[in-house]
Amino acid sequence: MKNKHFTLISLLLTFVISISVKAEVVMITSYQTDITDLDARIISRLYTGKIIEINGISVIPINQDPSNPLRARFLQKYLSQDEDKYAAYWTVRRFIGKGTPPKEFLSVTSALDFIVETPGAIGYIDTNLLTLPKDIKIISKQ
């Protein structure tokens, strides 16, 4: 009986993991922000503090908490980095006075609320999110 439960749980976990792996990371912002179609190079430069505006619009990139697997997928996709390398990068940047890392949020919901309420804020979600709030638009699907 224990083997049946173990097998069932293993299959269920495999299914859940395979669904989440297929999810695509997409960049989002508020409909009030006049930013569209960001490419990977611009996204990388925003999240490494190398640029802070696009077409005269101040941009506020936000991050998920380091414990969120979505953040790892984002870092790999847009920055070709892992968490350790990204954290080390920002440690050096802060030390030499070249900025601060993007604000971090513990949940996707709190990140979405911040994006809706803050002009110029951008962030990321995965396409497994059932529905986007009406005030949010996708600005990159690479």
Protein backbone atom coordinates (compact mmCIF):
# COMPACT_ATOMS: atom_id res chain seq x y z
CA MET A 1 0.00 0.00 0.00
CA LYS A 2 2.86 2.38 0.83
CA ASN A 3 4.39 1.72 -2.59
CA LYS A 4 1.11 2.67 -4.26
CA HIS A 5 0.98 5.99 -2.40
CA PHE A 6 4.64 6.66 -3.12
CA THR A 7 4.14 5.92 -6.83
CA LEU A 8 1.03 8.11 -6.98
CA ILE A 9 2.76 11.00 -5.23
CA SER A 10 5.81 10.63 -7.48
CA LEU A 11 3.66 10.74 -10.61
CA LEU A 12 1.77 13.75 -9.33
CA LEU A 13 4.99 15.62 -8.52
CA THR A 14 6.42 14.77 -11.93
CA PHE A 15 3.27 16.13 -13.57
CA VAL A 16 3.34 19.35 -11.54
CA ILE A 17 7.05 19.88 -12.23
CA SER A 18 6.61 19.27 -15.96
CA ILE A 19 3.78 21.81 -16.10
CA SER A 20 5.83 24.46 -14.33
CA VAL A 21 8.86 23.84 -16.55
CA LYS A 22 6.77 24.52 -19.66
CA ALA A 23 5.65 27.88 -18.30
CA GLU A 24 7.18 30.82 -20.09
CA VAL A 25 8.63 33.83 -18.27
CA VAL A 26 7.16 37.07 -19.62
CA MET A 27 7.84 40.70 -18.77
CA ILE A 28 4.92 42.85 -17.64
CA THR A 29 4.07 46.44 -16.79
CA SER A 30 1.01 48.57 -16.15
CA TYR A 31 -1.09 49.74 -19.09
CA GLN A 32 -0.37 53.26 -17.80
CA THR A 33 3.33 52.82 -18.61
CA ASP A 34 4.20 53.64 -22.21
CA ILE A 35 6.67 50.76 -22.71
CA THR A 36 6.25 47.96 -25.22
CA ASP A 37 8.28 45.10 -26.67
CA LEU A 38 11.43 44.97 -24.56
CA ASP A 39 14.16 42.75 -25.92
CA ALA A 40 16.45 40.53 -23.82
CA ARG A 41 19.38 42.95 -24.05
CA ILE A 42 17.37 45.86 -22.62
CA ILE A 43 15.88 43.64 -19.90
CA SER A 44 19.35 42.48 -18.91
CA ARG A 45 20.63 46.05 -18.75
CA LEU A 46 17.64 47.12 -16.62
CA TYR A 47 18.10 44.29 -14.12
CA THR A 48 21.83 44.93 -13.84
CA GLY A 49 21.37 48.67 -13.26
CA LYS A 50 23.14 49.70 -16.44
CA ILE A 51 20.15 51.67 -17.66
CA ILE A 52 17.33 53.23 -15.65
CA GLU A 53 15.09 54.65 -18.36
CA ILE A 54 13.64 53.77 -21.73
CA ASN A 55 12.63 56.49 -24.18
CA GLY A 56 12.68 59.07 -21.37
CA ILE A 57 10.54 56.91 -19.05
CA SER A 58 12.07 56.06 -15.67
CA VAL A 59 11.86 52.30 -15.23
CA ILE A 60 11.67 50.50 -11.90
CA PRO A 61 12.51 46.81 -12.36
CA ILE A 62 11.24 44.51 -9.63
CA ASN A 63 12.30 41.01 -8.72
CA GLN A 64 10.73 38.01 -7.10
CA ASP A 65 12.22 36.71 -3.86
CA PRO A 66 15.38 34.57 -4.37
CA SER A 67 13.50 31.52 -3.03
CA ASN A 68 10.95 31.73 -5.86
CA PRO A 69 11.80 29.29 -8.71
CA LEU A 70 10.42 31.85 -11.18
CA ARG A 71 13.34 34.14 -10.33
CA ALA A 72 15.85 31.42 -11.23
CA ARG A 73 14.15 30.92 -14.59
CA PHE A 74 14.10 34.69 -15.20
CA LEU A 75 17.79 35.06 -14.35
CA GLN A 76 18.72 32.21 -16.64
CA LYS A 77 16.55 33.37 -19.54
CA TYR A 78 17.33 37.10 -19.56
CA LEU A 79 20.68 37.44 -17.76
CA SER A 80 22.26 34.00 -18.30
CA GLN A 81 23.09 33.97 -14.60
CA ASP A 82 22.23 31.97 -11.51
CA GLU A 83 21.27 33.43 -8.13
CA ASP A 84 24.80 33.31 -6.70
CA LYS A 85 26.32 35.17 -9.63
CA TYR A 86 23.51 37.77 -9.64
CA ALA A 87 23.79 38.36 -5.87
CA ALA A 88 27.57 38.71 -6.15
CA TYR A 89 27.18 41.19 -9.00
CA TRP A 90 24.90 43.40 -6.90
CA THR A 91 27.12 43.11 -3.83
CA VAL A 92 29.97 44.63 -5.83
CA ARG A 93 27.73 47.28 -7.45
CA ARG A 94 26.45 48.44 -4.06
CA PHE A 95 29.95 48.46 -2.57
CA ILE A 96 31.33 50.72 -5.29
CA GLY A 97 28.27 52.98 -5.18
CA LYS A 98 26.83 52.02 -8.56
CA GLY A 99 23.23 51.48 -7.51
CA THR A 100 20.98 49.09 -5.69
CA PRO A 101 19.39 45.86 -6.90
CA PRO A 102 15.75 45.75 -7.95
CA LYS A 103 13.19 45.68 -5.15
CA GLU A 104 12.16 42.12 -4.23
CA PHE A 105 8.66 40.82 -3.55
CA LEU A 106 7.71 37.69 -1.65
CA SER A 107 4.70 36.96 -3.84
CA VAL A 108 3.56 37.46 -7.39
CA THR A 109 0.40 39.14 -6.07
CA SER A 110 2.33 41.81 -4.17
CA ALA A 111 4.56 42.37 -7.22
CA LEU A 112 1.49 42.80 -9.43
CA ASP A 113 -0.02 45.30 -6.97
CA PHE A 114 3.22 47.32 -6.98
CA ILE A 115 3.37 47.31 -10.79
CA VAL A 116 -0.21 48.53 -11.10
CA GLU A 117 0.32 51.31 -8.54
CA THR A 118 3.81 52.47 -9.60
CA PRO A 119 4.41 54.29 -12.88
CA GLY A 120 7.35 52.78 -14.76
CA ALA A 121 7.47 49.56 -12.73
CA ILE A 122 8.19 46.37 -14.67
CA GLY A 123 8.39 42.80 -13.51
CA TYR A 124 7.94 39.24 -14.65
CA ILE A 125 5.51 36.39 -14.24
CA ASP A 126 5.10 33.01 -15.81
CA THR A 127 2.37 32.13 -18.25
CA ASN A 128 0.85 29.70 -15.76
CA LEU A 129 -0.77 32.68 -14.06
CA LEU A 130 -4.40 32.07 -14.91
CA THR A 131 -5.40 35.62 -15.79
CA LEU A 132 -3.59 38.90 -15.74
CA PRO A 133 -5.21 41.79 -13.91
CA LYS A 134 -6.85 44.17 -16.37
CA ASP A 135 -4.29 46.87 -15.56
CA ILE A 136 -1.28 44.71 -16.57
CA LYS A 137 0.16 44.16 -20.06
CA ILE A 138 2.82 41.82 -21.37
CA ILE A 139 5.79 43.69 -22.85
CA SER A 140 8.04 40.81 -23.84
CA LYS A 141 7.57 37.16 -24.81
CA GLN A 142 11.00 36.01 -25.90
